[in-house]
């Protein structure tokens, strides 16, 4: 090819508007001047999601100009996972069932697990699990007035997601006293 140009949302990547958005091009020519390559780079940020990128190559064969246009690629960047929406159910005086739906991820960007932290004055539990449910059972001799706080966040290649915290949970309720 004699010339290769990238386009970002329909604007040449060499245009200052595209350069100011953080896109850069690099041209590479081989030693015998028969092959040229151009790369387009940008730091992966969610602000680039749904950006359309394609390239056009022009080449002369003799006096005839040939044009090749690539397919359009859509940029998708996985950011930090959103918080999970937690549901919990008080099963009995010593356990809770906790469940949640996984947060949105891009296709092929899988959630590898969930960090769970359960804290109170009496105990501190931290676990990494791969399920979307957790059964919390009270340790022996739990004080019924001991407030429990549960924090859950997803984890994937982008790192820890936003935390969801549930607080003011109690394993047991104090009996009603009539005066």
Protein backbone atom coordinates (compact mmCIF):
# COMPACT_ATOMS: atom_id res chain seq x y z
CA UNK A 1 0.00 0.00 0.00
CA UNK A 2 1.14 3.52 -0.72
CA UNK A 3 -0.90 5.13 2.04
CA UNK A 4 -2.84 3.85 5.06
CA UNK A 5 -5.05 6.07 7.18
CA UNK A 6 -7.13 5.23 10.25
CA UNK A 7 -10.47 6.89 10.83
CA UNK A 8 -12.03 7.36 14.27
CA UNK A 9 -15.78 8.00 14.16
CA UNK A 10 -15.36 9.05 10.53
CA UNK A 11 -12.53 11.55 11.16
CA UNK A 12 -8.94 10.93 10.09
CA UNK A 13 -6.86 9.81 13.07
CA UNK A 14 -4.24 12.39 12.08
CA UNK A 15 -6.79 15.19 12.60
CA UNK A 16 -5.98 17.23 15.71
CA UNK A 17 -9.47 16.56 17.17
CA UNK A 18 -8.75 12.81 17.21
CA UNK A 19 -5.18 13.31 18.45
CA UNK A 20 -6.47 15.48 21.31
CA UNK A 21 -8.79 12.63 22.35
CA UNK A 22 -5.70 10.47 22.94
CA UNK A 23 -5.36 8.46 19.72
CA UNK A 24 -1.92 8.14 18.11
CA UNK A 25 -0.79 6.57 14.86
CA UNK A 26 2.58 5.09 14.05
CA UNK A 27 3.81 4.32 10.56
CA UNK A 28 6.31 1.51 9.90
CA UNK A 29 7.97 0.89 6.54
CA UNK A 30 10.03 -2.18 5.78
CA UNK A 31 13.57 -1.96 4.43
CA UNK A 32 12.74 -2.46 0.75
CA UNK A 33 9.91 0.09 0.75
CA UNK A 34 7.34 -2.42 -0.48
CA UNK A 35 5.29 -2.78 2.73
CA UNK A 36 3.99 -0.15 5.08
CA UNK A 37 2.13 -0.67 8.33
CA UNK A 38 0.24 1.78 10.46
CA UNK A 39 -0.91 1.18 14.02
CA UNK A 40 -3.48 3.14 16.00
CA UNK A 41 -3.24 3.22 19.79
CA UNK A 42 -5.12 4.79 22.66
CA UNK A 43 -5.18 4.16 26.39
CA UNK A 44 -8.09 1.85 27.21
CA UNK A 45 -10.77 3.99 28.85
CA UNK A 46 -14.52 3.62 28.92
CA UNK A 47 -14.93 7.03 27.30
CA UNK A 48 -13.91 5.27 24.06
CA UNK A 49 -16.76 2.73 24.27
CA UNK A 50 -18.71 2.51 21.01
CA UNK A 51 -16.02 4.42 19.09
CA UNK A 52 -15.93 3.28 15.46
CA UNK A 53 -12.49 2.66 13.94
CA UNK A 54 -11.61 1.61 10.42
CA UNK A 55 -8.71 2.10 8.04
CA UNK A 56 -8.36 2.87 4.36
CA UNK A 57 -5.39 1.81 2.24
CA UNK A 58 -4.58 3.29 -1.13
CA UNK A 59 -2.14 1.75 -3.55
CA UNK A 60 -1.06 2.48 -7.12
CA UNK A 61 -0.55 -0.45 -9.45
CA UNK A 62 0.97 1.17 -12.49
CA UNK A 63 -1.21 4.22 -13.01
CA UNK A 64 -4.34 2.69 -11.49
CA UNK A 65 -5.34 3.58 -7.89
CA UNK A 66 -6.80 0.83 -5.74
CA UNK A 67 -8.63 1.54 -2.48
CA UNK A 68 -9.31 -1.00 0.27
CA UNK A 69 -11.51 -0.15 3.26
CA UNK A 70 -11.41 -2.36 6.35
CA UNK A 71 -14.44 -3.45 8.29
CA UNK A 72 -15.43 -1.08 11.09
CA UNK A 73 -14.33 -2.14 14.57
CA UNK A 74 -16.29 -0.98 17.60
CA UNK A 75 -14.17 -0.20 20.67
CA UNK A 76 -15.43 -1.70 23.94
CA UNK A 77 -13.52 -1.25 27.19
CA UNK A 78 -14.42 -3.05 30.42
CA UNK A 79 -14.31 -0.68 33.36
CA UNK A 80 -14.55 -1.49 37.04
CA UNK A 81 -17.53 -3.73 37.75
CA UNK A 82 -20.68 -2.08 39.07
CA UNK A 83 -21.98 -2.85 42.53
CA UNK A 84 -24.07 -6.00 42.92
CA UNK A 85 -27.69 -5.83 43.99
CA UNK A 86 -27.92 -8.00 47.09
CA UNK A 87 -30.90 -9.93 48.42
CA UNK A 88 -30.84 -11.57 51.82
CA UNK A 89 -33.21 -13.68 53.81
CA UNK A 90 -33.17 -14.31 57.53
CA UNK A 91 -33.48 -18.11 57.69
CA UNK A 92 -33.47 -18.66 61.43
CA UNK A 93 -31.82 -17.24 64.54
CA UNK A 94 -28.38 -18.30 63.31
CA UNK A 95 -28.21 -17.89 59.53
CA UNK A 96 -28.84 -15.67 56.51
CA UNK A 97 -29.06 -16.64 52.86
CA UNK A 98 -27.41 -13.94 50.75
CA UNK A 99 -27.63 -13.83 46.94
CA UNK A 100 -27.01 -11.35 44.12
CA UNK A 101 -27.04 -10.99 40.35
CA UNK A 102 -23.69 -10.58 38.63
CA UNK A 103 -23.00 -7.03 37.40
CA UNK A 104 -22.79 -6.28 33.67
CA UNK A 105 -19.60 -7.21 31.88
CA UNK A 106 -18.58 -7.01 28.26
CA UNK A 107 -18.81 -10.22 26.22
CA UNK A 108 -15.87 -12.55 26.96
CA UNK A 109 -14.95 -10.52 30.07
CA UNK A 110 -15.87 -12.91 32.81
CA UNK A 111 -16.32 -12.31 36.50
CA UNK A 112 -13.80 -14.54 38.21
CA UNK A 113 -15.33 -14.30 41.68
CA UNK A 114 -16.65 -12.21 44.53
CA UNK A 115 -14.93 -10.80 47.58
CA UNK A 116 -17.11 -11.12 50.67
CA UNK A 117 -16.35 -9.53 53.98
CA UNK A 118 -18.53 -10.06 57.05
CA UNK A 119 -17.68 -8.01 60.10
CA UNK A 120 -19.00 -7.41 63.57
CA UNK A 121 -17.57 -6.76 67.00
CA UNK A 122 -17.28 -10.53 67.60
CA UNK A 123 -15.87 -11.77 64.28
CA UNK A 124 -14.36 -10.88 60.91
CA UNK A 125 -14.72 -13.19 57.89
CA UNK A 126 -13.21 -12.55 54.45
CA UNK A 127 -13.66 -14.98 51.57
CA UNK A 128 -13.29 -15.13 47.81
CA UNK A 129 -16.02 -17.25 46.19
CA UNK A 130 -17.19 -17.95 42.64
CA UNK A 131 -20.91 -18.43 43.36
CA UNK A 132 -23.61 -15.75 43.46
CA UNK A 133 -24.89 -16.85 46.85
CA UNK A 134 -23.50 -17.18 50.33
CA UNK A 135 -24.86 -18.71 53.50
CA UNK A 136 -23.80 -16.83 56.58
CA UNK A 137 -24.01 -18.84 59.78
CA UNK A 138 -23.50 -17.31 63.19
CA UNK A 139 -20.41 -18.33 65.11
CA UNK A 140 -21.03 -19.90 68.54
CA UNK A 141 -21.95 -17.52 71.36
CA UNK A 142 -22.92 -14.67 69.04
CA UNK A 143 -24.31 -11.73 70.94
CA UNK A 144 -27.86 -10.98 69.70
CA UNK A 145 -27.06 -7.27 69.89
CA UNK A 146 -23.94 -7.65 67.72
CA UNK A 147 -24.50 -5.67 64.51
CA UNK A 148 -23.28 -7.38 61.34
CA UNK A 149 -22.03 -5.67 58.19
CA UNK A 150 -21.62 -7.55 54.89
CA UNK A 151 -19.63 -6.16 51.94
CA UNK A 152 -19.60 -7.84 48.52
CA UNK A 153 -17.75 -6.86 45.34
CA UNK A 154 -17.19 -8.65 42.05
CA UNK A 155 -13.73 -9.27 40.65
CA UNK A 156 -12.48 -9.68 37.07
CA UNK A 157 -9.51 -8.71 34.92
CA UNK A 158 -10.31 -5.02 35.48
CA UNK A 159 -9.89 -5.53 39.25
CA UNK A 160 -12.25 -5.24 42.20
CA UNK A 161 -15.70 -3.89 41.44
CA UNK A 162 -17.66 -1.35 43.41
CA UNK A 163 -18.61 -2.55 46.88
CA UNK A 164 -22.13 -3.20 48.07
CA UNK A 165 -22.55 -3.01 51.83
CA UNK A 166 -25.46 -4.23 53.92
CA UNK A 167 -25.34 -3.19 57.54
CA UNK A 168 -27.55 -3.28 60.61
CA UNK A 169 -28.14 -7.02 60.40
CA UNK A 170 -28.54 -9.13 63.53
CA UNK A 171 -28.55 -12.91 63.88
CA UNK A 172 -31.01 -12.95 66.73
CA UNK A 173 -33.64 -10.61 67.95
CA UNK A 174 -34.01 -9.85 71.62
CA UNK A 175 -37.30 -11.13 73.09
CA UNK A 176 -40.06 -8.65 73.71
CA UNK A 177 -40.50 -7.82 77.37
CA UNK A 178 -43.89 -6.76 78.72
CA UNK A 179 -43.84 -4.18 81.48
